[in-house]
N, C-alpha and C. Protein backbone atom coordinates (compact mmCIF):
# COMPACT_ATOMS: atom_id res chain seq x y z
N MET A 1 48.18 -7.47 140.33
CA MET A 1 48.93 -7.68 139.01
C MET A 1 49.96 -8.75 139.41
N PHE A 2 50.57 -8.84 140.47
CA PHE A 2 51.63 -9.56 141.38
C PHE A 2 50.92 -10.71 142.49
N GLY A 3 49.98 -11.03 142.50
CA GLY A 3 49.15 -11.46 143.83
C GLY A 3 49.44 -11.36 145.51
N SER A 4 48.66 -11.78 146.13
CA SER A 4 48.81 -11.19 147.43
C SER A 4 49.00 -12.08 148.56
N GLY A 5 48.53 -13.35 147.83
CA GLY A 5 48.67 -14.68 148.70
C GLY A 5 49.99 -15.24 148.20
N SER A 6 51.06 -14.43 148.45
CA SER A 6 52.54 -15.26 148.38
C SER A 6 53.07 -14.26 148.92
N THR A 7 54.71 -14.96 149.31
CA THR A 7 55.69 -14.13 150.06
C THR A 7 56.16 -12.87 149.18
N ILE A 8 56.83 -12.04 150.05
CA ILE A 8 57.16 -11.34 149.10
C ILE A 8 58.46 -11.26 148.08
N ARG A 9 59.20 -12.09 148.61
CA ARG A 9 60.17 -12.96 147.11
C ARG A 9 59.51 -13.73 146.13
N GLU A 10 58.62 -14.28 146.55
CA GLU A 10 57.84 -14.36 145.45
C GLU A 10 57.63 -13.67 144.59
N ARG A 11 56.43 -12.78 145.04
CA ARG A 11 55.63 -11.42 144.05
C ARG A 11 57.19 -10.67 143.51
N ALA A 12 57.84 -10.52 144.09
CA ALA A 12 59.64 -9.82 143.50
C ALA A 12 59.89 -10.53 142.24
N PHE A 13 60.17 -12.50 142.63
CA PHE A 13 60.20 -13.30 141.31
C PHE A 13 59.29 -13.14 140.12
N ARG A 14 58.21 -12.92 140.20
CA ARG A 14 56.87 -12.74 139.47
C ARG A 14 56.86 -11.46 138.70
N ARG A 15 57.57 -10.77 139.25
CA ARG A 15 58.05 -9.23 138.69
C ARG A 15 58.82 -9.18 137.92
N LEU A 16 60.12 -10.00 138.43
CA LEU A 16 61.06 -10.06 138.00
C LEU A 16 61.05 -10.42 135.62
N MET A 17 60.42 -11.74 136.58
CA MET A 17 60.08 -12.59 135.07
C MET A 17 59.31 -11.61 134.49
N TYR A 18 58.14 -10.86 135.00
CA TYR A 18 57.02 -9.65 133.94
C TYR A 18 58.11 -8.86 133.02
N LEU A 19 58.79 -8.54 134.12
CA LEU A 19 59.47 -7.34 133.72
C LEU A 19 60.71 -7.74 132.23
N HIS A 20 61.42 -8.70 132.65
CA HIS A 20 62.31 -9.58 132.08
C HIS A 20 61.54 -9.96 130.54
N GLY A 21 60.36 -10.53 130.53
CA GLY A 21 59.24 -10.87 129.70
C GLY A 21 59.30 -9.61 128.77
N LEU A 22 58.74 -7.93 129.18
CA LEU A 22 58.13 -7.01 128.79
C LEU A 22 59.30 -6.62 127.75
N ALA A 23 61.42 -6.69 128.32
CA ALA A 23 62.25 -6.28 127.84
C ALA A 23 62.22 -7.15 126.65
N PHE A 24 61.91 -8.38 126.88
CA PHE A 24 62.11 -9.36 125.39
C PHE A 24 61.56 -9.20 124.52
N GLU A 25 60.34 -8.56 124.82
CA GLU A 25 59.32 -8.16 123.84
C GLU A 25 59.80 -7.16 122.60
N THR A 26 61.05 -6.33 123.53
CA THR A 26 61.12 -5.15 122.35
C THR A 26 62.40 -6.51 121.57
N GLY A 27 62.50 -7.42 121.57
CA GLY A 27 62.99 -8.10 120.30
C GLY A 27 64.87 -7.57 120.14
N LYS A 28 65.21 -6.55 121.43
CA LYS A 28 66.41 -5.97 121.47
C LYS A 28 66.98 -6.41 122.90
N LEU A 29 66.65 -6.72 123.65
CA LEU A 29 67.35 -7.44 124.78
C LEU A 29 68.76 -8.33 124.43
N ARG A 30 69.45 -8.17 124.93
CA ARG A 30 71.02 -8.66 125.26
C ARG A 30 71.10 -9.40 126.17
N SER A 31 71.17 -9.09 127.25
CA SER A 31 71.05 -9.68 129.21
C SER A 31 70.58 -8.08 129.50
N LEU A 32 70.03 -8.69 131.04
CA LEU A 32 69.78 -8.46 132.09
C LEU A 32 70.54 -8.77 133.45
N TYR A 33 70.59 -7.49 134.20
CA TYR A 33 71.50 -7.52 135.05
C TYR A 33 70.94 -7.65 136.08
N VAL A 34 70.71 -8.53 137.06
CA VAL A 34 69.86 -8.01 138.75
C VAL A 34 70.34 -8.08 139.60
N PHE A 35 70.83 -7.61 140.56
CA PHE A 35 71.71 -7.08 141.78
C PHE A 35 71.07 -6.51 142.89
N GLY A 36 71.54 -6.06 143.98
CA GLY A 36 70.96 -5.32 145.40
C GLY A 36 70.13 -6.85 146.21
N SER A 37 69.23 -6.27 147.18
CA SER A 37 68.21 -7.20 147.41
C SER A 37 68.15 -8.80 147.23
N PHE A 38 67.46 -8.47 146.23
CA PHE A 38 66.89 -9.54 145.30
C PHE A 38 67.98 -10.85 145.30
N VAL A 39 69.29 -10.64 145.05
CA VAL A 39 69.84 -11.80 145.02
C VAL A 39 70.81 -12.02 145.97
N SER A 40 70.12 -11.67 147.37
CA SER A 40 70.80 -11.29 148.51
C SER A 40 69.88 -12.80 149.18
N ALA A 41 70.33 -12.38 150.29
CA ALA A 41 70.19 -13.22 151.28
C ALA A 41 68.60 -13.09 152.26
N VAL A 42 68.34 -11.43 151.99
CA VAL A 42 67.25 -11.34 152.68
C VAL A 42 66.00 -11.52 152.03
N PRO A 43 65.35 -12.22 153.10
CA PRO A 43 64.31 -13.14 153.05
C PRO A 43 62.76 -11.82 152.21
N GLU A 44 63.03 -10.76 152.50
CA GLU A 44 62.03 -9.84 152.02
C GLU A 44 62.61 -9.06 150.97
N PRO A 45 63.08 -8.35 149.57
CA PRO A 45 63.61 -7.63 148.87
C PRO A 45 62.72 -6.68 148.45
N ARG A 46 63.18 -5.23 149.18
CA ARG A 46 62.53 -4.06 149.01
C ARG A 46 62.31 -4.21 147.55
N ASP A 47 62.92 -3.93 146.64
CA ASP A 47 62.82 -3.52 145.19
C ASP A 47 63.34 -4.36 144.47
N LEU A 48 63.04 -4.22 143.32
CA LEU A 48 64.54 -5.22 141.95
C LEU A 48 64.88 -4.14 141.84
N ASP A 49 66.37 -4.29 141.67
CA ASP A 49 67.41 -3.45 140.77
C ASP A 49 67.61 -4.20 139.38
N MET A 50 68.11 -3.48 138.34
CA MET A 50 68.67 -3.91 137.26
C MET A 50 69.34 -2.90 136.13
N VAL A 51 69.93 -3.68 135.03
CA VAL A 51 70.03 -3.62 134.32
C VAL A 51 70.22 -3.85 133.11
N LEU A 52 69.49 -2.93 132.43
CA LEU A 52 69.05 -3.88 131.05
C LEU A 52 70.14 -3.38 129.96
N VAL A 53 70.83 -4.52 128.96
CA VAL A 53 71.53 -4.22 128.07
C VAL A 53 71.10 -4.41 126.63
N MET A 54 70.77 -3.44 125.95
CA MET A 54 69.53 -3.99 124.71
C MET A 54 71.16 -3.50 123.38
N ALA A 55 70.14 -4.07 122.12
CA ALA A 55 71.24 -4.10 121.07
C ALA A 55 71.57 -2.68 120.87
N ALA A 56 72.87 -2.64 120.10
CA ALA A 56 73.11 -1.35 119.58
C ALA A 56 71.87 -0.06 118.46
N ASP A 57 71.44 -1.21 118.05
CA ASP A 57 70.06 -0.88 116.95
C ASP A 57 68.71 -0.50 117.95
N PHE A 58 68.64 -0.51 118.89
CA PHE A 58 67.22 -0.34 120.22
C PHE A 58 67.29 1.13 119.78
N ARG A 59 65.63 1.15 119.45
CA ARG A 59 65.21 2.29 119.54
C ARG A 59 64.08 2.68 120.11
N LEU A 60 63.99 3.51 121.37
CA LEU A 60 62.78 3.68 122.28
C LEU A 60 61.36 3.86 121.52
N GLU A 61 61.51 4.73 120.55
CA GLU A 61 60.12 4.73 119.75
C GLU A 61 59.73 4.08 118.75
N GLU A 62 60.83 2.68 118.57
CA GLU A 62 60.10 1.25 117.56
C GLU A 62 59.61 0.18 118.70
N CYS A 63 59.69 0.48 119.94
CA CYS A 63 59.94 -0.58 120.93
C CYS A 63 58.20 -0.72 121.03
N PRO A 64 57.03 -1.48 121.95
CA PRO A 64 55.99 -1.67 121.38
C PRO A 64 55.55 -0.72 123.09
N ARG A 65 54.57 -0.15 122.54
CA ARG A 65 54.27 1.08 123.98
C ARG A 65 54.25 0.08 125.29
N GLU A 66 53.84 -0.90 125.74
CA GLU A 66 53.67 -1.34 127.10
C GLU A 66 54.76 -1.60 127.57
N THR A 67 56.07 -1.77 126.32
CA THR A 67 57.67 -1.67 127.11
C THR A 67 58.01 -0.88 127.23
N ARG A 68 57.76 0.46 127.29
CA ARG A 68 58.39 2.01 127.61
C ARG A 68 58.50 2.30 128.62
N THR A 69 57.69 2.11 129.79
CA THR A 69 57.92 2.47 130.95
C THR A 69 59.33 1.61 131.54
N LEU A 70 59.85 0.55 130.91
CA LEU A 70 61.10 0.43 131.26
C LEU A 70 62.10 1.41 131.47
N PHE A 71 62.43 1.63 130.15
CA PHE A 71 63.43 2.63 129.75
C PHE A 71 63.27 3.92 130.58
N GLU A 72 62.30 4.25 131.57
CA GLU A 72 61.89 5.51 132.15
C GLU A 72 62.02 5.13 133.64
N HIS A 73 63.14 5.98 133.96
CA HIS A 73 63.72 4.96 135.56
C HIS A 73 62.44 5.60 136.54
N ALA A 74 61.58 6.28 136.43
CA ALA A 74 60.96 7.15 138.00
C ALA A 74 59.95 6.47 137.33
N ASP A 75 59.37 6.31 136.05
CA ASP A 75 58.17 5.80 136.09
C ASP A 75 58.29 4.07 136.19
N ALA A 76 59.57 3.57 135.77
CA ALA A 76 59.31 1.75 136.23
C ALA A 76 59.43 1.73 137.92
N GLN A 77 60.27 2.75 138.38
CA GLN A 77 60.18 2.85 139.71
C GLN A 77 58.70 3.09 141.06
N ALA A 78 58.00 3.60 139.96
CA ALA A 78 56.57 4.01 140.67
C ALA A 78 55.81 2.93 140.36
N ARG A 79 56.06 2.50 138.88
CA ARG A 79 54.82 1.14 138.39
C ARG A 79 55.05 -0.37 138.98
N TYR A 80 56.62 -0.63 138.97
CA TYR A 80 56.87 -1.50 139.19
C TYR A 80 57.87 -1.99 140.68
N GLN A 81 58.36 -0.76 141.26
CA GLN A 81 59.07 -0.54 142.05
C GLN A 81 60.16 -1.68 141.73
N ALA A 82 61.03 -1.40 140.99
CA ALA A 82 61.61 -1.23 140.31
C ALA A 82 62.74 -0.41 139.73
N SER A 83 63.80 -0.71 139.83
CA SER A 83 65.35 0.18 139.56
C SER A 83 65.58 0.14 138.78
N ILE A 84 65.50 0.40 137.39
CA ILE A 84 65.81 -0.20 136.18
C ILE A 84 66.60 1.19 135.56
N PHE A 85 67.75 0.53 135.09
CA PHE A 85 69.02 1.49 133.93
C PHE A 85 68.96 0.60 132.94
N TRP A 86 69.29 1.52 131.99
CA TRP A 86 69.76 0.50 130.81
C TRP A 86 70.54 1.44 129.78
N VAL A 87 71.26 0.63 128.65
CA VAL A 87 72.56 1.21 127.88
C VAL A 87 72.29 0.18 126.48
N ARG A 88 72.97 0.73 125.44
CA ARG A 88 72.89 0.28 124.21
C ARG A 88 73.75 -0.60 124.27
N GLU A 89 74.34 -1.53 123.17
CA GLU A 89 75.70 -2.50 122.72
C GLU A 89 76.54 -1.08 122.37
N GLY A 90 77.86 -0.62 122.83
CA GLY A 90 78.53 -0.40 122.01
C GLY A 90 78.65 1.17 122.60
N MET A 91 77.47 0.98 123.28
CA MET A 91 77.64 2.74 124.36
C MET A 91 79.18 2.52 125.15
N LEU A 92 79.35 1.30 125.67
CA LEU A 92 81.03 1.61 126.65
C LEU A 92 81.51 0.52 126.22
N THR A 93 82.47 0.73 125.98
CA THR A 93 83.75 -0.52 125.34
C THR A 93 83.41 -1.84 126.75
N ASP A 94 84.24 -2.73 126.30
CA ASP A 94 83.69 -3.91 127.07
C ASP A 94 84.38 -3.60 128.30
N ALA A 95 85.81 -2.79 128.90
CA ALA A 95 86.40 -2.95 129.75
C ALA A 95 85.95 -2.34 130.55
N ASP A 96 84.71 -0.72 130.20
CA ASP A 96 83.86 0.41 130.91
C ASP A 96 82.58 -0.42 131.16
N MET A 97 81.89 -1.39 130.35
CA MET A 97 80.68 -2.28 130.88
C MET A 97 81.34 -3.50 131.99
N LYS A 98 82.44 -3.63 132.10
CA LYS A 98 83.08 -4.45 132.86
C LYS A 98 83.11 -3.60 134.87
N GLU A 99 83.15 -2.63 134.52
CA GLU A 99 83.52 -1.58 135.47
C GLU A 99 82.06 -0.99 135.97
N PHE A 100 81.45 -1.02 134.92
CA PHE A 100 79.61 -0.30 135.56
C PHE A 100 79.24 -1.21 136.05
N ILE A 101 79.51 -3.09 135.72
CA ILE A 101 78.82 -4.10 136.52
C ILE A 101 79.44 -3.96 137.46
N GLU A 102 80.85 -4.23 137.60
CA GLU A 102 82.05 -4.35 138.73
C GLU A 102 80.92 -2.91 140.45
N THR A 103 80.92 -2.03 139.56
CA THR A 103 80.39 -0.68 140.24
C THR A 103 78.90 -0.85 140.87
N TRP A 104 78.48 -1.46 140.40
CA TRP A 104 76.96 -2.17 141.04
C TRP A 104 76.63 -2.87 142.47
N GLN A 105 78.39 -3.44 141.77
CA GLN A 105 78.13 -4.91 142.59
C GLN A 105 79.14 -4.57 144.37
N ILE A 106 79.25 -3.03 144.52
CA ILE A 106 79.74 -2.69 145.55
C ILE A 106 78.93 -2.39 146.50
N LYS A 107 78.67 -2.31 147.47
CA LYS A 107 77.61 -2.31 148.74
C LYS A 107 77.85 -0.61 149.41
N ARG A 108 76.90 0.05 150.31
CA ARG A 108 77.34 1.14 150.36
C ARG A 108 79.12 0.87 151.42
N ASP A 109 78.68 0.06 152.05
CA ASP A 109 79.65 -0.70 152.98
C ASP A 109 80.82 -0.65 152.91
N GLY A 110 81.20 -0.67 151.22
CA GLY A 110 82.36 -1.09 150.80
C GLY A 110 81.90 -2.92 149.80
N THR A 111 81.38 -3.76 151.04
CA THR A 111 81.52 -4.83 150.69
C THR A 111 80.58 -5.43 149.27
N LYS A 112 81.05 -6.77 148.35
CA LYS A 112 80.49 -7.20 147.79
C LYS A 112 79.02 -7.42 147.81
N ARG A 113 78.18 -7.28 146.35
CA ARG A 113 76.91 -8.11 146.71
C ARG A 113 76.93 -8.91 145.61
N GLY A 114 75.94 -10.06 145.23
CA GLY A 114 76.03 -10.60 143.75
C GLY A 114 74.98 -10.12 142.55
N ILE A 115 75.46 -10.56 141.69
CA ILE A 115 74.20 -9.92 140.85
C ILE A 115 74.23 -11.39 139.82
N VAL A 116 73.17 -11.33 139.02
CA VAL A 116 72.87 -12.59 138.23
C VAL A 116 72.71 -11.47 136.66
N GLU A 117 73.31 -12.55 135.61
CA GLU A 117 72.64 -12.21 134.49
C GLU A 117 71.65 -13.28 133.98
N LEU A 118 70.86 -12.18 133.25
CA LEU A 118 69.64 -13.10 132.41
C LEU A 118 70.35 -12.61 131.35
N ARG A 119 69.97 -13.84 130.11
CA ARG A 119 69.82 -13.25 128.38
C ARG A 119 68.83 -14.14 128.37
N PRO A 120 68.20 -13.68 127.21
CA PRO A 120 66.88 -14.17 126.62
C PRO A 120 67.08 -15.01 126.22
């Protein structure tokens, strides 16, 4: 699916663009945050770590079948080597959302990692 004649980083980038496209197809994507080794200086990121922020009226049962795997954490990990979390707008206050994102920015050793926000 993502080619074998390229670097690990290039394949991860193509996978990220593919997953962004799937989320966009729902018509309800508001933003996508990418963090972890992909947005670091690591030359060979292990997987993709992301949070999808969906519209308040997003309903999983109404989205295209091919996009549903994105919203099942274990399935997304197995199929796309991506750790995907998601929330609906309004589930968290702005302050809670900021804290949620900042929490993902802290590495196990207590230092901060980068986070990139993609919008549709």
